[in-house]
N, C-alpha and C. Protein backbone atom coordinates (compact mmCIF):
# COMPACT_ATOMS: atom_id res chain seq x y z
N UNK A 1 -104.33 196.95 224.23
CA UNK A 1 -105.00 198.01 223.52
C UNK A 1 -104.69 199.38 224.09
N UNK A 2 -104.24 199.43 225.30
CA UNK A 2 -103.79 200.69 225.87
C UNK A 2 -102.54 200.38 226.67
N UNK A 3 -101.74 201.37 227.02
CA UNK A 3 -100.50 201.09 227.73
C UNK A 3 -100.72 200.35 229.04
N UNK A 4 -101.86 200.51 229.64
CA UNK A 4 -102.10 199.91 230.95
C UNK A 4 -103.15 198.81 230.92
N UNK A 5 -103.72 198.51 229.79
CA UNK A 5 -104.82 197.53 229.76
C UNK A 5 -104.72 196.63 228.53
N UNK A 6 -104.84 195.35 228.77
CA UNK A 6 -104.94 194.37 227.69
C UNK A 6 -106.34 193.79 227.72
N UNK A 7 -106.89 193.51 226.58
CA UNK A 7 -108.19 192.89 226.48
C UNK A 7 -108.09 191.72 225.52
N UNK A 8 -108.95 190.73 225.71
CA UNK A 8 -108.99 189.58 224.81
C UNK A 8 -110.33 189.53 224.11
N UNK A 9 -110.27 189.16 222.84
CA UNK A 9 -111.47 189.03 222.01
C UNK A 9 -111.36 187.72 221.25
N UNK A 10 -112.37 186.85 221.34
CA UNK A 10 -112.33 185.60 220.59
C UNK A 10 -112.29 185.88 219.08
N UNK A 11 -111.51 185.11 218.36
CA UNK A 11 -111.35 185.34 216.93
C UNK A 11 -112.68 185.30 216.18
N UNK A 12 -113.55 184.38 216.56
CA UNK A 12 -114.84 184.28 215.87
C UNK A 12 -115.81 185.39 216.25
N UNK A 13 -115.42 186.20 217.22
CA UNK A 13 -116.23 187.35 217.63
C UNK A 13 -115.39 188.62 217.58
N UNK A 14 -114.47 188.68 216.62
CA UNK A 14 -113.52 189.78 216.52
C UNK A 14 -114.19 191.14 216.40
N UNK A 15 -115.40 191.19 215.84
CA UNK A 15 -116.08 192.47 215.68
C UNK A 15 -116.42 193.12 217.02
N UNK A 16 -116.39 192.35 218.11
CA UNK A 16 -116.69 192.92 219.43
C UNK A 16 -115.62 193.92 219.88
N UNK A 17 -114.47 193.89 219.23
CA UNK A 17 -113.43 194.86 219.56
C UNK A 17 -113.94 196.29 219.35
N UNK A 18 -114.85 196.45 218.40
CA UNK A 18 -115.39 197.78 218.10
C UNK A 18 -116.22 198.34 219.25
N UNK A 19 -116.71 197.47 220.11
CA UNK A 19 -117.51 197.90 221.26
C UNK A 19 -116.65 198.28 222.47
N UNK A 20 -115.38 198.00 222.40
CA UNK A 20 -114.49 198.28 223.53
C UNK A 20 -114.24 199.78 223.66
N UNK A 21 -114.33 200.31 224.89
CA UNK A 21 -114.02 201.73 225.08
C UNK A 21 -112.54 202.06 224.84
N UNK A 22 -111.70 201.02 224.78
CA UNK A 22 -110.27 201.23 224.55
C UNK A 22 -109.89 201.19 223.08
N UNK A 23 -110.87 200.91 222.21
CA UNK A 23 -110.61 200.89 220.77
C UNK A 23 -111.19 202.15 220.15
N UNK A 24 -110.35 202.86 219.41
CA UNK A 24 -110.78 204.11 218.78
C UNK A 24 -110.66 203.93 217.27
N UNK A 25 -111.80 203.84 216.59
CA UNK A 25 -111.81 203.58 215.15
C UNK A 25 -111.16 204.69 214.34
N UNK A 26 -110.98 205.86 214.91
CA UNK A 26 -110.34 206.95 214.17
C UNK A 26 -108.81 206.88 214.23
N UNK A 27 -108.27 205.97 215.05
CA UNK A 27 -106.82 205.80 215.13
C UNK A 27 -106.34 204.81 214.08
N UNK A 28 -105.05 204.87 213.77
CA UNK A 28 -104.43 203.90 212.88
C UNK A 28 -104.45 202.53 213.57
N UNK A 29 -104.37 201.46 212.78
CA UNK A 29 -104.50 200.10 213.29
C UNK A 29 -103.24 199.31 212.97
N UNK A 30 -102.65 198.69 213.99
CA UNK A 30 -101.49 197.82 213.81
C UNK A 30 -101.86 196.44 214.30
N UNK A 31 -101.67 195.43 213.45
CA UNK A 31 -101.92 194.04 213.83
C UNK A 31 -100.59 193.31 213.87
N UNK A 32 -100.24 192.81 215.03
CA UNK A 32 -99.00 192.06 215.23
C UNK A 32 -99.38 190.60 215.42
N UNK A 33 -98.97 189.75 214.49
CA UNK A 33 -99.37 188.35 214.51
C UNK A 33 -98.24 187.50 215.09
N UNK A 34 -98.58 186.73 216.12
CA UNK A 34 -97.61 185.83 216.75
C UNK A 34 -98.16 184.41 216.70
N UNK A 35 -97.37 183.49 217.21
CA UNK A 35 -97.85 182.13 217.34
C UNK A 35 -97.15 181.12 216.46
N UNK A 36 -96.50 181.59 215.40
CA UNK A 36 -95.81 180.63 214.56
C UNK A 36 -94.51 180.20 215.23
N UNK A 37 -93.72 181.17 215.64
CA UNK A 37 -92.48 180.85 216.32
C UNK A 37 -92.36 181.50 217.69
N UNK A 38 -93.20 182.50 217.95
CA UNK A 38 -93.12 183.21 219.22
C UNK A 38 -94.50 183.31 219.85
N UNK A 39 -94.57 183.13 221.16
CA UNK A 39 -95.87 183.28 221.83
C UNK A 39 -96.24 184.75 222.04
N UNK A 40 -97.49 185.02 222.33
CA UNK A 40 -97.93 186.40 222.56
C UNK A 40 -97.23 187.02 223.75
N UNK A 41 -96.83 186.20 224.68
CA UNK A 41 -96.16 186.72 225.87
C UNK A 41 -94.71 187.11 225.60
N UNK A 42 -94.26 186.90 224.38
CA UNK A 42 -92.89 187.23 224.00
C UNK A 42 -92.63 188.72 224.23
N UNK A 43 -91.40 189.04 224.61
CA UNK A 43 -91.04 190.43 224.89
C UNK A 43 -91.29 191.36 223.72
N UNK A 44 -91.13 190.88 222.49
CA UNK A 44 -91.29 191.76 221.34
C UNK A 44 -92.72 192.30 221.25
N UNK A 45 -93.72 191.48 221.53
CA UNK A 45 -95.11 191.94 221.50
C UNK A 45 -95.35 192.98 222.59
N UNK A 46 -94.78 192.78 223.75
CA UNK A 46 -94.94 193.73 224.85
C UNK A 46 -94.25 195.06 224.54
N UNK A 47 -93.04 195.00 224.01
CA UNK A 47 -92.28 196.21 223.69
C UNK A 47 -92.96 197.00 222.58
N UNK A 48 -93.36 196.31 221.52
CA UNK A 48 -94.03 197.00 220.41
C UNK A 48 -95.37 197.58 220.86
N UNK A 49 -96.12 196.82 221.65
CA UNK A 49 -97.40 197.31 222.16
C UNK A 49 -97.25 198.58 222.96
N UNK A 50 -96.28 198.60 223.83
CA UNK A 50 -96.05 199.80 224.65
C UNK A 50 -95.62 200.98 223.77
N UNK A 51 -94.76 200.73 222.81
CA UNK A 51 -94.28 201.80 221.93
C UNK A 51 -95.42 202.42 221.12
N UNK A 52 -96.24 201.58 220.50
CA UNK A 52 -97.35 202.10 219.71
C UNK A 52 -98.40 202.78 220.58
N UNK A 53 -98.73 202.18 221.72
CA UNK A 53 -99.76 202.77 222.57
C UNK A 53 -99.31 204.07 223.22
N UNK A 54 -98.03 204.21 223.49
CA UNK A 54 -97.53 205.46 224.06
C UNK A 54 -97.59 206.60 223.05
N UNK A 55 -97.63 206.29 221.78
CA UNK A 55 -97.77 207.34 220.76
C UNK A 55 -99.18 207.91 220.76
N UNK A 56 -100.13 207.13 221.23
CA UNK A 56 -101.53 207.54 221.41
C UNK A 56 -102.27 207.83 220.11
N UNK A 57 -101.75 207.36 218.98
CA UNK A 57 -102.51 207.52 217.74
C UNK A 57 -102.66 206.19 217.00
N UNK A 58 -102.48 205.09 217.74
CA UNK A 58 -102.59 203.75 217.17
C UNK A 58 -103.44 202.84 218.04
N UNK A 59 -104.15 201.93 217.41
CA UNK A 59 -104.73 200.77 218.06
C UNK A 59 -103.76 199.63 217.77
N UNK A 60 -103.16 199.06 218.80
CA UNK A 60 -102.20 197.97 218.63
C UNK A 60 -102.88 196.68 219.06
N UNK A 61 -102.99 195.73 218.14
CA UNK A 61 -103.69 194.48 218.41
C UNK A 61 -102.73 193.32 218.13
N UNK A 62 -102.66 192.39 219.07
CA UNK A 62 -101.83 191.19 218.93
C UNK A 62 -102.76 190.01 218.68
N UNK A 63 -102.44 189.23 217.66
CA UNK A 63 -103.20 188.03 217.35
C UNK A 63 -102.31 186.82 217.50
N UNK A 64 -102.75 185.86 218.30
CA UNK A 64 -101.98 184.65 218.52
C UNK A 64 -102.55 183.53 217.65
N UNK A 65 -101.92 183.27 216.52
CA UNK A 65 -102.44 182.30 215.56
C UNK A 65 -102.29 180.85 216.00
N UNK A 66 -101.41 180.58 216.94
CA UNK A 66 -101.23 179.20 217.39
C UNK A 66 -102.53 178.64 217.95
N UNK A 67 -103.36 179.51 218.52
CA UNK A 67 -104.64 179.07 219.06
C UNK A 67 -105.65 178.75 217.96
N UNK A 68 -105.37 179.19 216.73
CA UNK A 68 -106.29 178.95 215.61
C UNK A 68 -105.92 177.69 214.83
N UNK A 69 -104.73 177.16 215.05
CA UNK A 69 -104.26 176.02 214.26
C UNK A 69 -104.68 174.72 214.89
């Protein structure tokens, strides 16, 4: 959620993201979904997360769907 901090939120409690001091509801929102063929630890999620967070006008959220299947 920020260039230096990752946070985890359970899918069934996703609304708790709004309580995080690192989430800014006035910023644009990007959801990057992984888990079908690539894990969340994949380099692409890390690179995209850093790129969006360094712009400082996005909330970048990664969702790992493999944990939901």
